[in-house]
Amino acid sequence: MLFKIEGSGEQVEKIIDISTPNVWREYTVDMSAAKDFTTISKILIVVSPGVAGSSDTYYLDNIYTTPNYCAGSTPNADILDDFECNRVAAYGGGWDSLHVVTNPYPNGDNNTSRVGKFNDQAGPWYGIWFPHDCL
């Protein structure tokens, strides 16, 4: 499996062996080489890099950073995305302009540590959408 994080000119990628079929496995991917990166905007996972025509099925769960800031939190199914620990939304168009950032204006109205930052693009109808099954 290829696991890669990338941003504007910054990237780190690792290949990990996932050759044990039909069991849940926990993998740790050391991405500490990116600790000083400031433009990370994507996580890319390729389960069978370089294999043409693969039709295998893979299941992924609980992808997180270390430290895991959400350890011990209680999921809330009524929240689609609080940009912290309740991130169940699947985004459609415009998702690549939405980034999780440190809350620039923490106050009594919103004292959360992280928020979503959306960079609007040219055009009258640019936005973000959620697939129907997300609601």
N, C-alpha and C. Protein backbone atom coordinates (compact mmCIF):
# COMPACT_ATOMS: atom_id res chain seq x y z
N MET A 1 0.85 -1.16 0.00
CA MET A 1 0.00 0.00 0.00
C MET A 1 0.90 1.23 0.00
N LEU A 2 0.56 2.18 -0.85
CA LEU A 2 1.25 3.46 -0.86
C LEU A 2 0.46 4.42 0.01
N PHE A 3 1.11 5.01 0.97
CA PHE A 3 0.50 6.00 1.85
C PHE A 3 1.30 7.28 1.66
N LYS A 4 0.64 8.35 1.27
CA LYS A 4 1.35 9.58 0.93
C LYS A 4 0.60 10.79 1.49
N ILE A 5 1.36 11.75 2.02
CA ILE A 5 0.78 13.04 2.37
C ILE A 5 1.49 14.07 1.50
N GLU A 6 0.72 15.06 1.06
CA GLU A 6 1.31 16.03 0.15
C GLU A 6 0.63 17.39 0.29
N GLY A 7 1.36 18.39 -0.17
CA GLY A 7 0.87 19.77 -0.21
C GLY A 7 1.57 20.48 -1.35
N SER A 8 1.69 21.78 -1.25
CA SER A 8 2.31 22.58 -2.31
C SER A 8 3.81 22.35 -2.33
N GLY A 9 4.25 21.35 -3.09
CA GLY A 9 5.68 21.06 -3.20
C GLY A 9 6.23 20.21 -2.09
N GLU A 10 5.45 19.91 -1.06
CA GLU A 10 5.91 19.09 0.05
C GLU A 10 5.22 17.73 -0.03
N GLN A 11 5.98 16.66 0.19
CA GLN A 11 5.37 15.33 0.17
C GLN A 11 6.26 14.33 0.87
N VAL A 12 5.62 13.34 1.44
CA VAL A 12 6.31 12.17 1.99
C VAL A 12 5.46 10.98 1.61
N GLU A 13 6.09 9.92 1.13
CA GLU A 13 5.34 8.72 0.82
C GLU A 13 6.07 7.50 1.36
N LYS A 14 5.27 6.52 1.74
CA LYS A 14 5.80 5.26 2.28
C LYS A 14 5.04 4.11 1.66
N ILE A 15 5.72 3.01 1.43
CA ILE A 15 5.10 1.77 0.98
C ILE A 15 5.07 0.84 2.18
N ILE A 16 3.91 0.27 2.47
CA ILE A 16 3.80 -0.69 3.57
C ILE A 16 3.22 -2.00 3.03
N ASP A 17 3.65 -3.11 3.60
CA ASP A 17 3.21 -4.43 3.17
C ASP A 17 1.87 -4.75 3.82
N ILE A 18 0.86 -5.03 3.00
CA ILE A 18 -0.46 -5.40 3.51
C ILE A 18 -0.86 -6.77 2.97
N SER A 19 0.05 -7.70 3.03
CA SER A 19 -0.15 -8.99 2.36
C SER A 19 -0.98 -10.00 3.14
N THR A 20 -1.45 -9.68 4.34
CA THR A 20 -2.26 -10.63 5.10
C THR A 20 -3.74 -10.41 4.75
N PRO A 21 -4.37 -11.36 4.03
CA PRO A 21 -5.76 -11.15 3.61
C PRO A 21 -6.78 -11.55 4.68
N ASN A 22 -7.96 -10.94 4.60
CA ASN A 22 -9.16 -11.33 5.36
C ASN A 22 -9.04 -11.20 6.87
N VAL A 23 -8.22 -10.28 7.34
CA VAL A 23 -8.13 -9.99 8.77
C VAL A 23 -7.94 -8.49 8.94
N TRP A 24 -8.40 -7.97 10.07
CA TRP A 24 -8.12 -6.57 10.39
C TRP A 24 -6.70 -6.48 10.90
N ARG A 25 -5.98 -5.49 10.44
CA ARG A 25 -4.61 -5.24 10.87
C ARG A 25 -4.48 -3.78 11.21
N GLU A 26 -3.62 -3.49 12.16
CA GLU A 26 -3.29 -2.10 12.49
C GLU A 26 -1.92 -1.80 11.92
N TYR A 27 -1.84 -0.74 11.16
CA TYR A 27 -0.58 -0.31 10.57
C TYR A 27 -0.23 1.07 11.08
N THR A 28 1.04 1.29 11.31
CA THR A 28 1.54 2.60 11.69
C THR A 28 2.50 3.04 10.59
N VAL A 29 2.28 4.22 10.08
CA VAL A 29 3.12 4.75 9.02
C VAL A 29 3.83 5.98 9.57
N ASP A 30 5.14 5.91 9.65
CA ASP A 30 5.93 7.01 10.20
C ASP A 30 6.06 8.12 9.16
N MET A 31 5.35 9.21 9.40
CA MET A 31 5.41 10.35 8.49
C MET A 31 6.11 11.52 9.17
N SER A 32 6.97 11.24 10.14
CA SER A 32 7.64 12.30 10.90
C SER A 32 8.54 13.16 10.02
N ALA A 33 8.91 12.68 8.85
CA ALA A 33 9.71 13.51 7.94
C ALA A 33 8.94 14.75 7.50
N ALA A 34 7.62 14.74 7.70
CA ALA A 34 6.78 15.88 7.30
C ALA A 34 6.45 16.80 8.48
N LYS A 35 7.11 16.61 9.60
CA LYS A 35 6.72 17.36 10.81
C LYS A 35 6.82 18.87 10.67
N ASP A 36 7.66 19.36 9.80
CA ASP A 36 7.79 20.80 9.62
C ASP A 36 7.06 21.32 8.38
N PHE A 37 6.34 20.44 7.70
CA PHE A 37 5.59 20.88 6.52
C PHE A 37 4.46 21.81 6.94
N THR A 38 4.15 22.77 6.11
CA THR A 38 3.09 23.73 6.43
C THR A 38 1.97 23.75 5.40
N THR A 39 2.10 22.98 4.32
CA THR A 39 1.08 23.05 3.25
C THR A 39 0.38 21.72 3.01
N ILE A 40 0.44 20.78 3.92
CA ILE A 40 -0.18 19.48 3.71
C ILE A 40 -1.68 19.66 3.50
N SER A 41 -2.17 19.12 2.39
CA SER A 41 -3.59 19.26 2.09
C SER A 41 -4.24 17.96 1.65
N LYS A 42 -3.46 16.89 1.46
CA LYS A 42 -4.02 15.63 0.98
C LYS A 42 -3.36 14.44 1.65
N ILE A 43 -4.17 13.41 1.83
CA ILE A 43 -3.67 12.09 2.16
C ILE A 43 -4.06 11.21 0.98
N LEU A 44 -3.11 10.53 0.41
CA LEU A 44 -3.35 9.65 -0.74
C LEU A 44 -3.04 8.23 -0.32
N ILE A 45 -3.98 7.33 -0.57
CA ILE A 45 -3.77 5.91 -0.27
C ILE A 45 -4.01 5.14 -1.56
N VAL A 46 -3.01 4.38 -2.00
CA VAL A 46 -3.13 3.52 -3.18
C VAL A 46 -2.88 2.11 -2.67
N VAL A 47 -3.92 1.26 -2.69
CA VAL A 47 -3.79 -0.05 -2.06
C VAL A 47 -2.97 -1.04 -2.87
N SER A 48 -2.93 -0.88 -4.17
CA SER A 48 -2.11 -1.80 -4.98
C SER A 48 -1.35 -1.00 -6.03
N PRO A 49 -0.35 -0.22 -5.59
CA PRO A 49 0.37 0.63 -6.53
C PRO A 49 1.08 -0.20 -7.61
N GLY A 50 0.91 0.24 -8.84
CA GLY A 50 1.59 -0.42 -9.94
C GLY A 50 0.94 -1.69 -10.43
N VAL A 51 -0.20 -2.07 -9.85
CA VAL A 51 -0.89 -3.30 -10.27
C VAL A 51 -2.05 -2.90 -11.17
N ALA A 52 -1.92 -3.20 -12.45
CA ALA A 52 -2.97 -2.85 -13.40
C ALA A 52 -4.15 -3.81 -13.26
N GLY A 53 -5.35 -3.26 -13.27
CA GLY A 53 -6.55 -4.08 -13.28
C GLY A 53 -6.89 -4.78 -11.99
N SER A 54 -6.35 -4.34 -10.86
CA SER A 54 -6.68 -4.97 -9.59
C SER A 54 -8.17 -4.76 -9.29
N SER A 55 -8.85 -5.82 -8.85
CA SER A 55 -10.26 -5.70 -8.51
C SER A 55 -10.51 -6.17 -7.08
N ASP A 56 -9.48 -6.20 -6.27
CA ASP A 56 -9.61 -6.60 -4.87
C ASP A 56 -10.39 -5.54 -4.10
N THR A 57 -10.94 -5.94 -2.96
CA THR A 57 -11.68 -5.03 -2.09
C THR A 57 -10.89 -4.84 -0.81
N TYR A 58 -10.78 -3.61 -0.35
CA TYR A 58 -10.05 -3.28 0.86
C TYR A 58 -10.95 -2.45 1.76
N TYR A 59 -10.84 -2.63 3.05
CA TYR A 59 -11.59 -1.83 4.02
C TYR A 59 -10.60 -1.06 4.87
N LEU A 60 -10.85 0.22 5.05
CA LEU A 60 -10.00 1.09 5.86
C LEU A 60 -10.83 1.68 6.98
N ASP A 61 -10.21 1.92 8.11
CA ASP A 61 -10.93 2.49 9.25
C ASP A 61 -9.94 3.22 10.14
N ASN A 62 -10.41 4.25 10.79
CA ASN A 62 -9.66 4.94 11.83
C ASN A 62 -8.28 5.42 11.39
N ILE A 63 -8.25 6.26 10.41
CA ILE A 63 -6.99 6.89 9.98
C ILE A 63 -6.83 8.14 10.83
N TYR A 64 -5.76 8.22 11.58
CA TYR A 64 -5.57 9.38 12.46
C TYR A 64 -4.11 9.72 12.61
N THR A 65 -3.88 10.89 13.15
CA THR A 65 -2.52 11.35 13.40
C THR A 65 -2.15 11.03 14.84
N THR A 66 -0.89 11.09 15.12
CA THR A 66 -0.41 10.89 16.48
C THR A 66 0.21 12.19 16.96
N PRO A 67 -0.18 12.73 18.08
CA PRO A 67 -1.13 12.09 18.99
C PRO A 67 -2.54 12.12 18.41
N ASN A 68 -3.35 11.14 18.81
CA ASN A 68 -4.74 11.06 18.37
C ASN A 68 -5.57 11.99 19.25
N TYR A 69 -5.90 13.15 18.72
CA TYR A 69 -6.63 14.16 19.50
C TYR A 69 -8.05 13.74 19.80
N CYS A 70 -8.53 12.70 19.14
CA CYS A 70 -9.91 12.27 19.33
C CYS A 70 -10.06 11.06 20.24
N ALA A 71 -8.97 10.56 20.77
CA ALA A 71 -9.04 9.40 21.67
C ALA A 71 -9.95 9.74 22.85
N GLY A 72 -10.90 8.86 23.12
CA GLY A 72 -11.80 9.06 24.25
C GLY A 72 -13.01 9.93 23.95
N SER A 73 -13.11 10.50 22.76
CA SER A 73 -14.27 11.32 22.44
C SER A 73 -15.45 10.43 22.07
N THR A 74 -16.64 10.96 22.24
CA THR A 74 -17.85 10.22 21.92
C THR A 74 -18.40 10.71 20.60
N PRO A 75 -18.49 9.84 19.59
CA PRO A 75 -19.04 10.27 18.30
C PRO A 75 -20.49 10.73 18.43
N ASN A 76 -20.86 11.73 17.65
CA ASN A 76 -22.22 12.24 17.64
C ASN A 76 -22.74 12.13 16.21
N ALA A 77 -23.64 11.19 15.96
CA ALA A 77 -24.15 10.94 14.61
C ALA A 77 -24.94 12.11 14.04
N ASP A 78 -25.35 13.06 14.88
CA ASP A 78 -26.09 14.23 14.40
C ASP A 78 -25.17 15.30 13.82
N ILE A 79 -23.87 15.16 14.00
CA ILE A 79 -22.91 16.14 13.49
C ILE A 79 -22.23 15.55 12.26
N LEU A 80 -22.37 16.22 11.12
CA LEU A 80 -21.70 15.74 9.90
C LEU A 80 -20.21 16.00 9.96
N ASP A 81 -19.81 17.19 10.41
CA ASP A 81 -18.39 17.51 10.47
C ASP A 81 -18.18 18.68 11.42
N ASP A 82 -17.49 18.45 12.51
CA ASP A 82 -17.14 19.56 13.40
C ASP A 82 -15.67 19.94 13.24
N PHE A 83 -14.99 19.31 12.28
CA PHE A 83 -13.59 19.57 11.93
C PHE A 83 -12.65 19.19 13.07
N GLU A 84 -13.15 18.41 13.99
CA GLU A 84 -12.33 17.90 15.08
C GLU A 84 -12.50 16.39 15.13
N CYS A 85 -13.40 15.88 15.94
CA CYS A 85 -13.53 14.43 16.11
C CYS A 85 -14.77 13.84 15.47
N ASN A 86 -15.74 14.63 15.12
CA ASN A 86 -16.93 14.14 14.43
C ASN A 86 -16.81 14.52 12.96
N ARG A 87 -16.22 13.60 12.17
CA ARG A 87 -15.96 13.87 10.75
C ARG A 87 -16.56 12.76 9.92
N VAL A 88 -17.88 12.70 9.83
CA VAL A 88 -18.53 11.63 9.10
C VAL A 88 -18.99 12.06 7.71
N ALA A 89 -18.82 13.31 7.36
CA ALA A 89 -19.27 13.81 6.06
C ALA A 89 -18.41 13.28 4.93
N ALA A 90 -19.05 13.05 3.81
CA ALA A 90 -18.36 12.74 2.56
C ALA A 90 -18.65 13.92 1.65
N TYR A 91 -17.64 14.62 1.21
CA TYR A 91 -17.84 15.84 0.44
C TYR A 91 -17.83 15.58 -1.05
N GLY A 92 -18.58 16.40 -1.76
CA GLY A 92 -18.57 16.37 -3.21
C GLY A 92 -17.80 17.57 -3.72
N GLY A 93 -18.31 18.21 -4.77
CA GLY A 93 -17.63 19.33 -5.40
C GLY A 93 -17.14 20.37 -4.41
N GLY A 94 -15.95 20.87 -4.62
CA GLY A 94 -15.37 21.90 -3.77
C GLY A 94 -14.64 21.39 -2.55
N TRP A 95 -14.65 20.07 -2.34
CA TRP A 95 -14.01 19.51 -1.15
C TRP A 95 -12.53 19.86 -1.08
N ASP A 96 -11.89 20.01 -2.24
CA ASP A 96 -10.46 20.30 -2.25
C ASP A 96 -10.14 21.73 -1.85
N SER A 97 -11.17 22.55 -1.67
CA SER A 97 -10.97 23.92 -1.18
C SER A 97 -11.35 24.04 0.30
N LEU A 98 -11.62 22.93 0.94
CA LEU A 98 -11.99 22.91 2.35
C LEU A 98 -10.85 22.28 3.14
N HIS A 99 -10.34 23.01 4.12
CA HIS A 99 -9.20 22.54 4.90
C HIS A 99 -9.48 22.71 6.39
N VAL A 100 -8.99 21.79 7.19
CA VAL A 100 -9.08 21.91 8.64
C VAL A 100 -7.90 22.75 9.10
N VAL A 101 -8.21 23.82 9.86
CA VAL A 101 -7.19 24.73 10.34
C VAL A 101 -7.43 25.04 11.82
N THR A 102 -6.44 25.59 12.47
CA THR A 102 -6.60 26.07 13.84
C THR A 102 -7.58 27.23 13.83
N ASN A 103 -8.52 27.23 14.77
CA ASN A 103 -9.53 28.28 14.85
C ASN A 103 -8.84 29.65 14.99
N PRO A 104 -8.98 30.53 14.00
CA PRO A 104 -8.29 31.82 14.07
C PRO A 104 -8.95 32.81 15.02
N TYR A 105 -10.21 32.56 15.40
CA TYR A 105 -10.95 33.50 16.25
C TYR A 105 -11.68 32.77 17.39
N PRO A 106 -10.96 32.05 18.25
CA PRO A 106 -11.67 31.36 19.34
C PRO A 106 -12.25 32.38 20.32
N ASN A 107 -13.54 32.21 20.62
CA ASN A 107 -14.20 33.11 21.57
C ASN A 107 -15.43 32.39 22.12
N GLY A 108 -16.27 33.11 22.82
CA GLY A 108 -17.46 32.52 23.43
C GLY A 108 -18.44 31.95 22.42
N ASP A 109 -18.44 32.48 21.20
CA ASP A 109 -19.35 31.97 20.17
C ASP A 109 -18.86 30.65 19.59
N ASN A 110 -17.55 30.49 19.49
CA ASN A 110 -16.96 29.25 18.96
C ASN A 110 -15.57 29.08 19.54
N ASN A 111 -15.47 28.27 20.58
CA ASN A 111 -14.16 28.08 21.23
C ASN A 111 -13.50 26.76 20.85
N THR A 112 -13.94 26.13 19.74
CA THR A 112 -13.32 24.88 19.31
C THR A 112 -11.90 25.15 18.83
N SER A 113 -11.06 24.12 18.89
CA SER A 113 -9.66 24.31 18.51
C SER A 113 -9.45 24.30 17.00
N ARG A 114 -10.30 23.58 16.27
CA ARG A 114 -10.15 23.49 14.82
C ARG A 114 -11.47 23.81 14.12
N VAL A 115 -11.35 24.39 12.93
CA VAL A 115 -12.51 24.76 12.12
C VAL A 115 -12.23 24.43 10.66
N GLY A 116 -13.26 24.48 9.84
CA GLY A 116 -13.09 24.30 8.40
C GLY A 116 -12.85 25.65 7.75
N LYS A 117 -11.89 25.71 6.86
CA LYS A 117 -11.60 26.92 6.10
C LYS A 117 -11.89 26.62 4.64
N PHE A 118 -12.83 27.36 4.05
CA PHE A 118 -13.21 27.16 2.66
C PHE A 118 -12.70 28.32 1.83
N ASN A 119 -11.95 28.02 0.78
CA ASN A 119 -11.44 29.04 -0.13
C ASN A 119 -12.36 29.09 -1.35
N ASP A 120 -13.18 30.12 -1.41
CA ASP A 120 -14.10 30.28 -2.53
C ASP A 120 -13.32 30.50 -3.81
N GLN A 121 -13.86 30.00 -4.90
CA GLN A 121 -13.21 30.12 -6.20
C GLN A 121 -14.04 31.03 -7.11
N ALA A 122 -13.44 31.45 -8.19
CA ALA A 122 -14.15 32.30 -9.15
C ALA A 122 -15.37 31.56 -9.70
N GLY A 123 -16.41 32.30 -9.97
CA GLY A 123 -17.63 31.71 -10.51
C GLY A 123 -18.76 31.86 -9.53
N PRO A 124 -19.99 32.00 -10.04
CA PRO A 124 -21.12 32.29 -9.17
C PRO A 124 -21.65 31.10 -8.38
N TRP A 125 -21.31 29.87 -8.73
CA TRP A 125 -21.91 28.71 -8.08
C TRP A 125 -20.89 27.75 -7.51
N TYR A 126 -19.74 28.22 -7.12
CA TYR A 126 -18.72 27.33 -6.55
C TYR A 126 -19.07 27.07 -5.09
N GLY A 127 -19.10 25.82 -4.69
CA GLY A 127 -19.44 25.49 -3.31
C GLY A 127 -19.04 24.07 -2.97
N ILE A 128 -19.53 23.62 -1.85
CA ILE A 128 -19.28 22.27 -1.36
C ILE A 128 -20.62 21.57 -1.28
N TRP A 129 -20.67 20.31 -1.64
CA TRP A 129 -21.92 19.58 -1.49
C TRP A 129 -21.67 18.26 -0.77
N PHE A 130 -22.72 17.78 -0.15
CA PHE A 130 -22.72 16.51 0.56
C PHE A 130 -23.58 15.51 -0.20
N PRO A 131 -23.11 14.30 -0.42
CA PRO A 131 -23.99 13.29 -1.04
C PRO A 131 -25.21 13.06 -0.17
N HIS A 132 -26.32 12.69 -0.79
CA HIS A 132 -27.59 12.51 -0.08
C HIS A 132 -27.48 11.50 1.07
N ASP A 133 -26.71 10.42 0.90
CA ASP A 133 -26.63 9.40 1.94
C ASP A 133 -25.86 9.87 3.17
N CYS A 134 -25.31 11.07 3.11
CA CYS A 134 -24.58 11.64 4.23
C CYS A 134 -25.54 12.34 5.19
N LEU A 135 -26.73 12.66 4.72
CA LEU A 135 -27.70 13.44 5.52
C LEU A 135 -28.66 12.55 6.25
